[in-house]
Protein backbone atom coordinates (compact mmCIF):
# COMPACT_ATOMS: atom_id res chain seq x y z
CA MET A 1 136.33 94.34 130.90
CA LYS A 2 136.59 95.59 127.11
CA THR A 3 134.38 98.21 125.74
CA LEU A 4 133.95 99.21 122.07
CA VAL A 5 132.37 102.68 121.43
CA PHE A 6 130.27 103.26 117.91
CA LEU A 7 132.08 106.86 117.02
CA GLU A 8 129.21 107.92 114.81
CA SER A 9 130.71 110.37 112.11
CA VAL A 10 128.64 113.28 110.12
CA ASP A 11 130.60 115.41 107.35
CA GLY A 12 133.89 114.67 108.77
CA VAL A 13 132.97 115.69 112.41
CA LEU A 14 132.48 112.78 115.40
CA GLN A 15 129.18 113.41 116.89
CA ALA A 16 129.20 114.74 120.19
CA GLY A 17 126.64 112.21 121.94
CA SER A 18 129.12 109.62 120.94
CA LEU A 19 131.99 111.37 122.49
CA GLY A 20 129.79 111.55 125.40
CA VAL A 21 129.27 108.26 125.74
CA LEU A 22 133.19 107.31 124.59
CA SER A 23 133.79 109.52 127.76
CA ARG A 24 131.81 107.74 130.06
CA ALA A 25 133.34 104.22 128.78
CA ALA A 26 136.34 105.71 129.81
CA LYS A 27 135.45 106.11 133.26
CA LEU A 28 134.24 101.97 133.69
CA GLY A 29 137.72 101.44 133.51
CA GLY A 30 139.43 98.24 131.19
CA GLU A 31 140.27 98.77 127.93
CA VAL A 32 138.00 101.34 125.67
CA ALA A 33 138.40 101.44 122.14
CA GLY A 34 136.31 103.76 119.49
CA VAL A 35 135.14 102.62 115.73
CA VAL A 36 134.81 105.08 112.88
CA ILE A 37 133.42 103.79 109.70
CA GLY A 38 133.07 105.33 106.27
CA SER A 39 134.76 107.20 103.63
CA GLY A 40 137.19 110.02 104.05
CA VAL A 41 137.38 109.18 107.81
CA ALA A 42 140.66 108.62 108.96
CA GLY A 43 141.81 112.03 109.80
CA VAL A 44 139.26 112.38 112.29
CA ALA A 45 140.33 109.34 114.44
CA ALA A 46 142.96 110.52 116.56
CA GLY A 47 140.59 113.07 118.00
CA ALA A 48 138.83 110.79 119.96
CA GLY A 49 141.54 109.72 122.37
CA ALA A 50 141.13 112.96 123.64
CA TYR A 51 137.84 111.67 125.12
CA GLY A 52 139.23 108.37 126.64
CA ALA A 53 139.50 105.94 123.92
CA GLN A 54 142.93 103.98 123.75
CA ILE A 55 142.39 102.58 120.34
CA VAL A 56 140.49 103.70 117.39
CA TYR A 57 139.80 101.43 114.86
CA VAL A 58 139.17 103.00 111.46
CA ALA A 59 137.46 101.20 108.34
CA ASP A 60 137.65 104.15 105.76
CA ASP A 61 136.37 102.62 102.12
CA PRO A 62 134.42 104.22 99.64
CA ARG A 63 131.58 101.51 99.78
CA LEU A 64 131.14 102.85 103.28
CA ALA A 65 130.26 106.16 102.23
CA SER A 66 126.77 106.33 102.33
CA ALA A 67 124.96 105.82 105.84
CA LEU A 68 123.66 102.52 105.38
CA PRO A 69 123.78 100.12 108.61
CA GLN A 70 124.22 96.27 107.18
CA PRO A 71 128.06 97.41 106.02
CA ARG A 72 129.07 98.66 109.24
CA VAL A 73 127.05 95.51 111.07
CA ASP A 74 129.25 93.75 109.22
CA VAL A 75 132.85 95.58 110.34
CA ILE A 76 131.50 95.79 113.73
CA ALA A 77 130.45 92.33 114.72
CA GLY A 78 134.15 91.24 112.60
CA LEU A 79 135.86 93.62 114.97
CA VAL A 80 133.99 92.17 118.15
CA THR A 81 134.57 88.65 117.39
CA ALA A 82 138.62 89.22 116.32
CA GLN A 83 139.35 91.57 119.63
CA SER A 84 136.50 89.80 122.26
CA PHE A 85 135.00 92.94 123.26
CA ASP A 86 132.36 92.56 126.17
CA ASN A 87 130.60 95.57 125.45
CA ILE A 88 129.07 97.50 122.34
CA LEU A 89 127.63 100.75 122.83
CA PHE A 90 125.91 103.68 121.05
CA ALA A 91 124.84 106.96 121.57
CA GLN A 92 121.03 107.31 120.58
CA SER A 93 120.29 108.07 116.56
CA VAL A 94 118.35 106.69 114.07
CA LEU A 95 121.93 104.80 112.53
CA ALA A 96 122.78 103.28 116.02
CA SER A 97 119.72 101.95 116.51
CA ASP A 98 119.68 100.44 113.30
CA LEU A 99 123.14 98.96 113.69
CA ALA A 100 122.59 97.67 117.51
CA ALA A 101 119.11 95.70 116.31
CA GLY A 102 121.94 94.63 113.08
CA LEU A 103 124.39 93.27 115.65
CA ALA A 104 122.18 91.83 117.89
CA ALA A 105 120.56 89.37 115.53
CA ARG A 106 124.39 88.63 114.01
CA LEU A 107 125.90 88.17 117.36
CA GLU A 108 123.09 86.67 119.03
CA ALA A 109 123.82 89.40 121.78
CA GLY A 110 121.25 90.70 124.25
CA VAL A 111 120.53 94.84 123.16
CA ASN A 112 119.48 97.27 126.00
CA TRP A 113 118.14 100.76 124.55
CA ASP A 114 117.34 103.96 125.76
CA LEU A 115 119.82 104.26 128.59
CA ALA A 116 119.97 107.04 131.17
CA GLY A 117 123.20 105.55 132.57
CA VAL A 118 125.65 102.92 132.72
CA GLU A 119 128.12 101.59 135.29
CA GLU A 120 130.45 98.96 135.60
CA ARG A 121 129.88 96.50 139.15
CA GLY A 122 131.76 93.44 139.53
CA GLY A 123 133.12 93.22 135.98
CA GLU A 124 129.42 93.46 134.66
CA LEU A 125 127.72 96.15 132.89
CA ILE A 126 124.89 97.44 134.46
CA GLY A 127 122.40 100.00 132.77
CA THR A 128 119.64 102.40 134.24
CA ARG A 129 116.62 103.01 132.26
CA ALA A 130 113.05 104.67 132.66
CA ALA A 131 110.18 102.80 133.29
CA LEU A 132 106.58 103.39 134.17
CA GLY A 133 106.47 106.47 132.12
CA ASP A 134 109.72 107.61 133.12
CA SER A 135 107.73 108.24 136.71
CA VAL A 136 111.00 105.74 137.77
CA TYR A 137 114.19 104.58 136.96
CA VAL A 138 115.20 100.77 137.02
CA GLU A 139 118.25 99.04 136.84
CA VAL A 140 118.97 96.45 133.46
CA ALA A 141 121.60 93.71 132.78
CA TRP A 142 122.51 91.21 130.10
CA LYS A 143 122.53 87.74 130.25
CA GLY A 144 125.98 87.20 128.31
CA ALA A 145 128.41 89.24 126.36
CA PRO A 146 128.97 90.83 124.14
CA ARG A 147 126.16 93.32 125.60
CA ILE A 148 125.01 95.70 123.54
CA GLY A 149 123.77 99.13 124.71
CA ILE A 150 122.21 102.31 123.46
CA VAL A 151 122.64 105.29 125.65
CA ARG A 152 120.13 107.80 125.83
CA ALA A 153 121.17 111.38 123.89
CA GLY A 154 122.38 113.48 125.79
CA THR A 155 123.08 111.52 128.69
CA TYR A 156 126.61 112.20 128.83
CA ALA A 157 128.78 115.28 128.27
CA ALA A 158 132.05 114.83 126.15
CA GLU A 159 134.77 115.53 128.23
CA GLU A 160 138.13 116.21 126.83
CA THR A 161 140.87 114.05 129.03
CA GLY A 162 144.14 114.91 126.94
CA GLY A 163 144.89 112.01 125.88
CA SER A 164 145.96 110.14 122.39
CA ALA A 165 144.99 106.88 120.64
CA GLN A 166 146.39 104.24 119.14
CA VAL A 167 145.07 104.26 115.51
CA GLU A 168 144.65 100.98 113.77
CA ASN A 169 142.75 99.66 110.33
CA ALA A 170 139.89 97.69 110.96
CA ALA A 171 139.22 94.36 109.06
CA ILE A 172 136.44 95.27 106.03
CA GLU A 173 134.76 92.06 104.74
CA LEU A 174 131.28 92.75 103.60
CA GLN A 175 128.84 90.36 102.98
CA ASP A 176 126.84 90.32 99.05
CA PHE A 177 123.53 90.98 100.84
CA SER A 178 125.17 94.01 102.88
CA THR A 179 125.96 95.72 99.37
CA ALA A 180 123.02 95.00 97.87
CA ALA A 181 120.85 98.58 99.08
CA VAL A 182 122.13 101.57 97.45
CA LEU A 183 121.44 105.12 99.01
CA VAL A 184 119.76 106.90 96.31
CA SER A 185 119.76 110.19 98.10
CA GLN A 186 119.62 112.01 101.23
CA ASP A 187 118.03 114.79 102.38
CA ARG A 188 118.60 116.88 105.25
CA ALA A 189 116.50 119.19 107.28
CA GLU A 190 117.81 123.04 107.01
CA GLN A 191 118.80 124.21 110.45
CA ALA A 192 120.05 127.92 111.46
CA GLY A 193 122.30 127.71 114.48
CA PRO A 194 123.61 124.77 116.94
CA SER A 195 121.60 121.72 117.14
CA ILE A 196 119.24 121.59 120.50
CA GLU A 197 121.72 118.32 121.78
CA ASP A 198 124.89 120.70 121.17
CA ALA A 199 123.36 124.09 122.24
CA GLU A 200 124.29 125.51 125.20
CA ILE A 201 121.22 127.76 125.34
CA ILE A 202 117.91 126.22 124.58
CA VAL A 203 114.62 128.21 124.48
CA ALA A 204 111.47 125.68 124.57
CA GLY A 205 108.06 126.27 123.53
CA GLY A 206 105.10 124.71 124.87
CA ARG A 207 101.44 124.65 124.42
CA GLY A 208 101.31 128.24 126.43
CA LEU A 209 102.34 129.78 123.25
CA GLY A 210 98.97 129.75 122.18
CA ALA A 211 99.52 129.24 118.19
CA ALA A 212 102.36 128.00 115.90
CA GLU A 213 102.62 131.55 114.93
CA HIS A 214 104.09 132.59 118.34
CA PHE A 215 107.06 130.57 117.85
CA LYS A 216 108.84 133.62 116.65
CA LEU A 217 109.10 135.27 120.04
CA ALA A 218 110.85 131.74 121.33
CA GLU A 219 113.38 131.86 117.99
CA GLU A 220 113.75 135.57 118.75
CA LEU A 221 114.86 134.70 122.12
CA ALA A 222 117.00 132.07 121.08
CA GLU A 223 119.06 133.97 117.87
CA VAL A 224 119.92 137.14 120.80
CA LEU A 225 120.81 134.60 123.40
CA GLY A 226 123.08 132.62 120.51
CA GLY A 227 120.55 129.25 121.32
CA ALA A 228 118.64 126.52 119.62
CA VAL A 229 114.63 126.43 119.98
CA ALA A 230 112.85 123.39 121.33
CA SER A 231 109.34 122.26 121.95
CA THR A 232 107.46 119.76 123.76
CA ARG A 233 105.31 116.66 122.36
CA ALA A 234 102.12 118.58 122.50
CA VAL A 235 103.22 121.05 120.18
CA VAL A 236 104.97 118.90 117.68
CA ASP A 237 101.51 116.65 117.50
CA ALA A 238 99.67 119.61 116.65
CA GLY A 239 101.90 120.59 114.18
CA TRP A 240 102.87 123.91 115.42
CA TYR A 241 106.64 122.57 115.37
CA PRO A 242 109.05 120.18 113.69
CA TYR A 243 109.55 116.18 115.57
CA ALA A 244 113.36 117.09 115.43
CA SER A 245 113.08 120.12 118.41
CA GLN A 246 110.65 117.70 120.20
CA VAL A 247 112.41 117.05 124.00
CA GLY A 248 111.07 114.74 126.31
CA GLN A 249 110.84 111.20 126.66
CA THR A 250 109.36 110.39 122.78
CA GLY A 251 111.78 113.17 121.87
CA LYS A 252 115.80 114.13 122.43
CA THR A 253 117.23 114.41 126.25
CA ILE A 254 119.28 118.03 126.39
CA THR A 255 121.78 119.35 128.96
CA PRO A 256 122.37 122.84 128.08
CA LYS A 257 123.87 125.39 130.80
CA LEU A 258 120.71 127.13 130.19
CA TYR A 259 116.93 125.84 129.49
CA ILE A 260 114.38 128.71 129.33
CA GLY A 261 110.71 127.11 129.08
CA LEU A 262 108.11 129.53 127.48
CA GLY A 263 104.62 128.24 128.47
CA ILE A 264 105.45 124.88 129.28
CA SER A 265 103.43 123.23 132.10
CA GLY A 266 106.04 120.63 132.80
CA ALA A 267 104.53 117.67 132.67
CA ILE A 268 106.87 114.61 133.32
CA GLN A 269 107.39 113.54 129.74
CA HIS A 270 109.30 116.55 129.01
CA LYS A 271 111.19 116.73 132.42
CA VAL A 272 112.79 113.53 131.72
CA GLY A 273 114.35 115.10 128.61
CA MET A 274 115.35 118.58 130.07
CA GLN A 275 116.06 117.91 133.93
CA GLY A 276 119.80 117.59 133.84
CA SER A 277 119.73 121.53 132.31
CA GLY A 278 122.19 123.78 134.19
CA THR A 279 119.88 126.51 135.14
CA ILE A 280 116.54 126.21 134.32
CA VAL A 281 114.31 129.12 133.88
CA SER A 282 110.40 129.00 133.38
CA ILE A 283 107.83 131.73 132.63
CA ASN A 284 104.31 130.43 132.69
CA LYS A 285 100.70 132.36 133.63
CA ASP A 286 99.84 129.51 135.79
CA ALA A 287 101.63 130.11 138.84
CA HIS A 288 101.18 126.33 139.79
CA ALA A 289 102.49 124.63 136.62
CA PRO A 290 104.61 121.78 137.81
CA ILE A 291 107.40 123.22 136.14
CA PHE A 292 108.17 125.48 138.94
CA ASP A 293 108.80 122.84 141.48
CA TYR A 294 111.89 121.63 139.41
CA SER A 295 112.86 125.26 138.17
CA ASP A 296 115.85 127.58 139.15
CA LEU A 297 113.81 130.79 138.69
CA GLY A 298 110.35 131.36 137.93
CA VAL A 299 108.22 134.25 136.35
CA VAL A 300 104.56 134.26 136.75
CA GLY A 301 103.13 135.77 134.01
CA ASP A 302 101.93 136.32 130.63
CA LEU A 303 104.70 135.24 128.42
CA HIS A 304 103.80 137.43 125.22
CA THR A 305 104.18 140.79 127.59
CA VAL A 306 107.12 139.03 129.09
CA VAL A 307 109.43 137.75 126.35
CA PRO A 308 109.42 140.87 124.28
CA LYS A 309 110.73 142.93 127.13
CA LEU A 310 113.42 140.46 127.71
CA ILE A 311 114.43 140.62 123.98
CA GLU A 312 114.27 143.77 123.96
CA LEU A 313 116.76 144.07 127.19
CA LEU A 314 119.03 142.12 125.61
CA ARG A 315 119.39 143.52 122.13
CA ALA A 316 119.60 146.82 124.38
CA ARG A 317 123.01 145.18 126.66
CA GLY A 318 124.43 144.07 122.87
């Protein structure tokens, strides 16, 4: 079985989600390769060997500088055809979703998305994804190769194995229609500290905070701990915090070492996005909140009283 993993690179850095999928692919067995596409990205390719890639294909060209999907579809489709890959795996992202859809159309292949796991069984790739509002998990498969899969963000951690990879140049043959679009500008949201996908400590706020301005408590606690702030869907829908911070079924999946929930009831929609956290601490005035059922430590009390004291104690300890 031959598996190709798309290694997304931003500002010359391979994204942790992609490396996590690569680490998992290495455990599936068979030949595992990665592909890095962009301009000025050749230098980051070799580093993927430490996460399980045996070969890393590089498409480094000024025409690939913009994060547009169609030129990348051209490169990956050509690589899959030339090397006869059985599986093409992506870590969930906006770009990855575009690429997977484009590849499925180009190669007339099947795609399974939002996968919560992948495994090899009898030479076939089997995926796991949530169903019925994330209340159950089901197995999914593909009718034939190549099999395209998008793995839910945060599902697998990037694990270094200390290996090395052979780096080879990938053929760059772009279709006329693929170069018709031009990226005019790109804006990025300002961010202080680590992203919620990469942070080892997450402080998440829910409707129990009471108002948008009370998210300052979550931000202060996260700052003291060196973590990042996340939120629930209800908070985002209310306009209290940006969508980029949303954790859950329609948001992001996170796996921090420490998760602290402030005023979060623990609806299943949110649970599926954070249940992989190492240690879960919840602060809620409702002793019967569902989140306490899967918390390692629960504090029943008014978060507006508890959190300021916690911040004070943490600052006193330096």
